[in-house]
Amino acid sequence: MAIIEFPDDLIALERSAWAEIQRGELTVETARAVHEAVTAFAEQAGLRRMDVELGLKTLVRYETAA
């Protein structure tokens, strides 16, 4: 998979969703917002949505503290 340069706002949105998931409080609104943002970014970048989603989740869920 190619390295994808994600915009900061998309990363922040996924971080919010991940925090909600960890608390057991993910809302439909947050999930929908992430899905729509990922889809829009994938279309704009000419990438497969699944590749974008996987890359974004991997970045956020496995990032190391600096």
N, C-alpha and C. Protein backbone atom coordinates (compact mmCIF):
# COMPACT_ATOMS: atom_id res chain seq x y z
N MET A 1 0.84 -1.17 0.00
CA MET A 1 0.00 0.00 0.00
C MET A 1 0.89 1.24 0.00
N ALA A 2 0.52 2.22 -0.79
CA ALA A 2 1.28 3.47 -0.88
C ALA A 2 1.10 4.29 0.39
N ILE A 3 2.08 5.10 0.68
CA ILE A 3 1.97 6.01 1.82
C ILE A 3 1.05 7.15 1.42
N ILE A 4 0.07 7.42 2.25
CA ILE A 4 -0.93 8.45 1.97
C ILE A 4 -0.68 9.63 2.90
N GLU A 5 -0.67 10.82 2.33
CA GLU A 5 -0.53 12.05 3.12
C GLU A 5 -1.93 12.52 3.50
N PHE A 6 -2.33 12.24 4.73
CA PHE A 6 -3.66 12.61 5.19
C PHE A 6 -3.70 14.06 5.67
N PRO A 7 -4.77 14.77 5.36
CA PRO A 7 -4.90 16.14 5.87
C PRO A 7 -5.15 16.11 7.38
N ASP A 8 -4.72 17.15 8.06
CA ASP A 8 -4.85 17.22 9.52
C ASP A 8 -6.30 17.09 9.99
N ASP A 9 -7.24 17.69 9.26
CA ASP A 9 -8.63 17.62 9.71
C ASP A 9 -9.18 16.20 9.64
N LEU A 10 -8.75 15.41 8.68
CA LEU A 10 -9.19 14.02 8.58
C LEU A 10 -8.59 13.19 9.71
N ILE A 11 -7.34 13.44 10.04
CA ILE A 11 -6.70 12.75 11.16
C ILE A 11 -7.40 13.10 12.46
N ALA A 12 -7.72 14.37 12.65
CA ALA A 12 -8.40 14.80 13.88
C ALA A 12 -9.77 14.15 14.00
N LEU A 13 -10.47 14.05 12.89
CA LEU A 13 -11.80 13.43 12.90
C LEU A 13 -11.69 11.96 13.27
N GLU A 14 -10.73 11.25 12.72
CA GLU A 14 -10.54 9.83 13.06
C GLU A 14 -10.09 9.68 14.52
N ARG A 15 -9.27 10.60 15.02
CA ARG A 15 -8.87 10.54 16.43
C ARG A 15 -10.08 10.69 17.35
N SER A 16 -11.00 11.58 16.98
CA SER A 16 -12.22 11.76 17.77
C SER A 16 -13.05 10.49 17.77
N ALA A 17 -13.19 9.88 16.59
CA ALA A 17 -13.96 8.64 16.49
C ALA A 17 -13.30 7.54 17.32
N TRP A 18 -12.00 7.43 17.25
CA TRP A 18 -11.28 6.39 17.98
C TRP A 18 -11.45 6.59 19.48
N ALA A 19 -11.40 7.84 19.94
CA ALA A 19 -11.61 8.12 21.37
C ALA A 19 -13.02 7.71 21.79
N GLU A 20 -14.01 7.99 20.96
CA GLU A 20 -15.38 7.58 21.25
C GLU A 20 -15.50 6.07 21.29
N ILE A 21 -14.85 5.38 20.37
CA ILE A 21 -14.88 3.92 20.34
C ILE A 21 -14.28 3.36 21.63
N GLN A 22 -13.16 3.91 22.05
CA GLN A 22 -12.51 3.41 23.25
C GLN A 22 -13.36 3.62 24.50
N ARG A 23 -14.17 4.68 24.50
CA ARG A 23 -15.07 4.94 25.63
C ARG A 23 -16.39 4.19 25.50
N GLY A 24 -16.60 3.53 24.37
CA GLY A 24 -17.86 2.84 24.11
C GLY A 24 -18.98 3.81 23.81
N GLU A 25 -18.64 4.97 23.22
CA GLU A 25 -19.62 6.03 23.00
C GLU A 25 -19.65 6.53 21.56
N LEU A 26 -19.26 5.70 20.60
CA LEU A 26 -19.26 6.14 19.21
C LEU A 26 -20.69 6.45 18.78
N THR A 27 -20.90 7.64 18.24
CA THR A 27 -22.22 8.04 17.78
C THR A 27 -22.35 7.81 16.28
N VAL A 28 -23.58 7.70 15.83
CA VAL A 28 -23.84 7.57 14.40
C VAL A 28 -23.33 8.80 13.67
N GLU A 29 -23.49 9.96 14.27
CA GLU A 29 -23.05 11.20 13.64
C GLU A 29 -21.54 11.21 13.41
N THR A 30 -20.79 10.78 14.41
CA THR A 30 -19.33 10.74 14.26
C THR A 30 -18.93 9.71 13.21
N ALA A 31 -19.52 8.53 13.28
CA ALA A 31 -19.20 7.48 12.31
C ALA A 31 -19.52 7.94 10.88
N ARG A 32 -20.66 8.59 10.72
CA ARG A 32 -21.05 9.08 9.40
C ARG A 32 -20.09 10.17 8.92
N ALA A 33 -19.69 11.06 9.81
CA ALA A 33 -18.78 12.14 9.44
C ALA A 33 -17.44 11.58 8.96
N VAL A 34 -16.93 10.58 9.66
CA VAL A 34 -15.66 9.97 9.26
C VAL A 34 -15.82 9.28 7.91
N HIS A 35 -16.88 8.52 7.76
CA HIS A 35 -17.11 7.80 6.50
C HIS A 35 -17.20 8.77 5.32
N GLU A 36 -17.96 9.84 5.49
CA GLU A 36 -18.12 10.81 4.41
C GLU A 36 -16.80 11.53 4.10
N ALA A 37 -16.04 11.86 5.14
CA ALA A 37 -14.76 12.54 4.93
C ALA A 37 -13.75 11.61 4.24
N VAL A 38 -13.72 10.36 4.64
CA VAL A 38 -12.82 9.38 4.02
C VAL A 38 -13.19 9.19 2.56
N THR A 39 -14.48 9.06 2.29
CA THR A 39 -14.95 8.87 0.92
C THR A 39 -14.59 10.06 0.05
N ALA A 40 -14.83 11.26 0.55
CA ALA A 40 -14.51 12.47 -0.21
C ALA A 40 -13.02 12.58 -0.47
N PHE A 41 -12.20 12.30 0.54
CA PHE A 41 -10.75 12.38 0.36
C PHE A 41 -10.28 11.35 -0.66
N ALA A 42 -10.81 10.14 -0.56
CA ALA A 42 -10.41 9.07 -1.49
C ALA A 42 -10.75 9.46 -2.93
N GLU A 43 -11.94 9.98 -3.13
CA GLU A 43 -12.35 10.38 -4.48
C GLU A 43 -11.46 11.51 -5.00
N GLN A 44 -11.19 12.49 -4.16
CA GLN A 44 -10.36 13.64 -4.56
C GLN A 44 -8.93 13.21 -4.87
N ALA A 45 -8.42 12.24 -4.11
CA ALA A 45 -7.04 11.79 -4.28
C ALA A 45 -6.90 10.67 -5.31
N GLY A 46 -8.03 10.16 -5.81
CA GLY A 46 -7.98 9.08 -6.78
C GLY A 46 -7.54 7.75 -6.17
N LEU A 47 -7.93 7.55 -4.91
CA LEU A 47 -7.55 6.34 -4.19
C LEU A 47 -8.78 5.50 -3.86
N ARG A 48 -8.56 4.24 -3.56
CA ARG A 48 -9.67 3.40 -3.11
C ARG A 48 -10.05 3.79 -1.68
N ARG A 49 -11.35 3.89 -1.43
CA ARG A 49 -11.82 4.28 -0.10
C ARG A 49 -11.29 3.33 0.98
N MET A 50 -11.29 2.05 0.69
CA MET A 50 -10.82 1.07 1.69
C MET A 50 -9.34 1.28 2.03
N ASP A 51 -8.53 1.64 1.04
CA ASP A 51 -7.12 1.91 1.31
C ASP A 51 -6.95 3.13 2.20
N VAL A 52 -7.75 4.15 1.92
CA VAL A 52 -7.70 5.37 2.73
C VAL A 52 -8.14 5.06 4.15
N GLU A 53 -9.26 4.35 4.29
CA GLU A 53 -9.78 4.02 5.62
C GLU A 53 -8.78 3.20 6.42
N LEU A 54 -8.22 2.18 5.80
CA LEU A 54 -7.24 1.32 6.49
C LEU A 54 -6.00 2.12 6.90
N GLY A 55 -5.50 2.93 5.98
CA GLY A 55 -4.32 3.73 6.30
C GLY A 55 -4.56 4.72 7.42
N LEU A 56 -5.73 5.34 7.40
CA LEU A 56 -6.07 6.31 8.44
C LEU A 56 -6.23 5.65 9.79
N LYS A 57 -6.94 4.53 9.83
CA LYS A 57 -7.11 3.81 11.09
C LYS A 57 -5.76 3.34 11.64
N THR A 58 -4.91 2.83 10.77
CA THR A 58 -3.59 2.38 11.19
C THR A 58 -2.79 3.53 11.77
N LEU A 59 -2.81 4.67 11.09
CA LEU A 59 -2.08 5.85 11.56
C LEU A 59 -2.54 6.26 12.96
N VAL A 60 -3.84 6.36 13.13
CA VAL A 60 -4.39 6.86 14.40
C VAL A 60 -4.30 5.84 15.51
N ARG A 61 -4.62 4.61 15.23
CA ARG A 61 -4.70 3.61 16.29
C ARG A 61 -3.35 3.08 16.73
N TYR A 62 -2.35 3.22 15.90
CA TYR A 62 -1.05 2.66 16.24
C TYR A 62 0.06 3.70 16.31
N GLU A 63 -0.35 4.99 16.33
CA GLU A 63 0.68 6.03 16.41
C GLU A 63 1.35 5.97 17.78
N THR A 64 2.59 6.32 17.80
CA THR A 64 3.33 6.30 19.06
C THR A 64 3.41 7.71 19.62
N ALA A 65 3.43 7.81 20.90
CA ALA A 65 3.56 9.11 21.56
C ALA A 65 4.96 9.66 21.29
N ALA A 66 5.01 10.92 21.01
CA ALA A 66 6.30 11.55 20.73
C ALA A 66 7.03 11.92 21.98
